[in-house]
């Protein structure tokens, strides 16, 4: 079960977490084998990073199969992405406009994305985060 807590991750920790989120649970060996072949680190390096992630509360041991420990995420991908995006926006003084302009210029933001954002903004304005309607939606999504 993943939680919505805020944990600061290094780039390499985030790379390992991406693999673990995709696999849902994995041993250190499985994590290592699912990392990019071009820059695949040694088993012991991945083991060290997983230990650090465990100390940070980002992963936890699920069980042991033979000599292999099986880990699963203890934090949600959405919580980590939220923290990263918040930190990025702080670099732009809290404004999303420079980021959106850059994404549009790079071809990473299209009209469909803008329409989806427009819908999200409209829903947020109609149902502020602390409203009973929004809380009900969040509870239904969590199930």
Protein backbone atom coordinates (compact mmCIF):
# COMPACT_ATOMS: atom_id res chain seq x y z
CA UNK A 1 0.00 0.00 0.00
CA UNK A 2 1.51 3.30 -1.04
CA UNK A 3 1.17 6.51 0.93
CA UNK A 4 1.07 10.13 -0.13
CA UNK A 5 4.08 11.28 1.90
CA UNK A 6 6.78 13.60 0.63
CA UNK A 7 10.26 12.15 0.19
CA UNK A 8 13.18 13.81 -1.57
CA UNK A 9 14.82 11.45 -4.05
CA UNK A 10 18.03 11.66 -6.06
CA UNK A 11 17.90 11.10 -9.80
CA UNK A 12 19.18 7.52 -9.43
CA UNK A 13 16.75 6.76 -6.57
CA UNK A 14 13.95 8.04 -8.77
CA UNK A 15 15.09 5.78 -11.61
CA UNK A 16 14.93 2.75 -9.29
CA UNK A 17 11.54 3.86 -7.95
CA UNK A 18 10.18 4.09 -11.54
CA UNK A 19 11.13 0.47 -12.10
CA UNK A 20 9.63 -0.57 -8.77
CA UNK A 21 6.38 1.32 -9.44
CA UNK A 22 6.13 -0.44 -12.80
CA UNK A 23 6.88 -3.89 -11.35
CA UNK A 24 4.87 -3.22 -8.15
CA UNK A 25 7.23 -5.47 -6.14
CA UNK A 26 10.68 -6.75 -6.91
CA UNK A 27 13.98 -8.05 -5.60
CA UNK A 28 17.20 -6.08 -5.96
CA UNK A 29 18.22 -8.39 -8.84
CA UNK A 30 14.91 -7.76 -10.66
CA UNK A 31 15.35 -4.01 -10.20
CA UNK A 32 18.91 -4.15 -11.52
CA UNK A 33 17.91 -6.22 -14.55
CA UNK A 34 15.10 -3.80 -15.44
CA UNK A 35 17.34 -0.73 -15.47
CA UNK A 36 18.67 0.60 -18.77
CA UNK A 37 21.31 -1.72 -20.25
CA UNK A 38 23.44 1.23 -21.36
CA UNK A 39 24.11 2.43 -17.82
CA UNK A 40 23.14 -0.59 -15.75
CA UNK A 41 24.87 -0.34 -12.35
CA UNK A 42 26.34 -3.24 -10.43
CA UNK A 43 24.06 -5.34 -8.23
CA UNK A 44 25.71 -3.99 -5.06
CA UNK A 45 25.10 -0.39 -6.20
CA UNK A 46 21.39 -1.08 -6.65
CA UNK A 47 21.36 -2.88 -3.29
CA UNK A 48 22.87 0.21 -1.61
CA UNK A 49 20.34 2.53 -3.23
CA UNK A 50 17.43 0.28 -2.23
CA UNK A 51 18.75 0.28 1.36
CA UNK A 52 18.81 4.11 1.27
CA UNK A 53 15.29 4.18 -0.14
CA UNK A 54 14.21 1.91 2.71
CA UNK A 55 15.83 4.27 5.25
CA UNK A 56 13.97 7.20 3.68
CA UNK A 57 10.69 5.31 3.91
CA UNK A 58 10.25 5.15 0.13
CA UNK A 59 10.25 1.32 -0.03
CA UNK A 60 9.67 -1.45 2.45
CA UNK A 61 10.45 -5.12 2.63
CA UNK A 62 7.49 -7.25 1.71
CA UNK A 63 8.95 -10.70 2.31
CA UNK A 64 11.99 -12.88 1.79
CA UNK A 65 12.13 -15.62 -0.83
CA UNK A 66 15.23 -17.72 -0.35
CA UNK A 67 18.03 -15.20 0.01
CA UNK A 68 16.21 -12.48 -1.94
CA UNK A 69 14.35 -9.68 -0.20
CA UNK A 70 11.25 -8.51 -2.05
CA UNK A 71 10.49 -4.78 -1.88
CA UNK A 72 7.46 -2.71 -2.75
CA UNK A 73 6.94 1.05 -2.96
CA UNK A 74 5.92 2.75 0.28
CA UNK A 75 5.24 6.05 -1.47
CA UNK A 76 3.00 6.84 -4.40
CA UNK A 77 4.38 7.92 -7.76
CA UNK A 78 1.92 10.83 -7.74
CA UNK A 79 3.30 12.13 -4.42
CA UNK A 80 6.87 12.08 -5.73
CA UNK A 81 5.89 13.71 -9.01
CA UNK A 82 3.96 16.36 -7.09
CA UNK A 83 7.00 17.22 -5.00
CA UNK A 84 9.27 17.40 -8.07
CA UNK A 85 6.83 19.65 -9.92
CA UNK A 86 6.40 21.91 -6.89
CA UNK A 87 10.19 22.26 -6.60
CA UNK A 88 10.44 23.03 -10.33
CA UNK A 89 7.73 25.69 -10.12
CA UNK A 90 9.54 27.29 -7.18
CA UNK A 91 12.54 27.76 -9.49
CA UNK A 92 10.24 29.79 -11.77
CA UNK A 93 8.97 31.92 -8.89
CA UNK A 94 5.84 29.79 -8.54
CA UNK A 95 4.53 30.56 -12.02
CA UNK A 96 3.72 27.73 -14.41
CA UNK A 97 3.74 30.03 -17.47
CA UNK A 98 7.48 29.78 -18.29
CA UNK A 99 7.29 26.01 -17.96
CA UNK A 100 4.17 25.76 -20.13
CA UNK A 101 5.71 28.07 -22.75
CA UNK A 102 8.84 25.94 -22.88
CA UNK A 103 6.82 22.72 -23.17
CA UNK A 104 4.78 24.23 -26.02
CA UNK A 105 7.93 25.45 -27.82
CA UNK A 106 9.49 21.97 -27.52
CA UNK A 107 6.33 20.33 -28.90
CA UNK A 108 5.63 18.58 -25.59
CA UNK A 109 2.35 20.42 -24.96
CA UNK A 110 -0.44 20.25 -27.53
CA UNK A 111 -4.04 21.47 -27.77
CA UNK A 112 -5.38 18.21 -26.38
CA UNK A 113 -3.18 18.67 -23.29
CA UNK A 114 -4.37 22.27 -22.93
CA UNK A 115 -8.02 21.18 -23.17
CA UNK A 116 -7.45 18.53 -20.51
CA UNK A 117 -5.81 21.14 -18.27
CA UNK A 118 -8.73 23.46 -18.89
CA UNK A 119 -11.14 20.75 -17.74
CA UNK A 120 -9.06 20.09 -14.61
CA UNK A 121 -8.91 23.80 -13.78
CA UNK A 122 -12.67 24.18 -14.26
CA UNK A 123 -13.34 21.17 -12.00
CA UNK A 124 -10.97 22.57 -9.38
CA UNK A 125 -12.71 25.95 -9.44
CA UNK A 126 -16.12 24.32 -9.15
CA UNK A 127 -14.96 21.93 -6.40
CA UNK A 128 -12.10 23.45 -4.37
CA UNK A 129 -9.75 20.83 -2.79
CA UNK A 130 -11.35 21.19 0.66
CA UNK A 131 -14.95 20.87 -0.57
CA UNK A 132 -16.96 17.73 0.31
CA UNK A 133 -17.37 16.91 -3.41
CA UNK A 134 -13.59 16.95 -4.01
CA UNK A 135 -12.94 14.88 -0.88
CA UNK A 136 -15.46 12.30 -2.10
CA UNK A 137 -13.75 12.09 -5.50
CA UNK A 138 -10.34 11.60 -3.87
CA UNK A 139 -11.72 8.85 -1.63
CA UNK A 140 -13.25 7.05 -4.65
CA UNK A 141 -9.94 7.29 -6.59
CA UNK A 142 -8.01 5.88 -3.59
CA UNK A 143 -10.10 2.70 -3.60
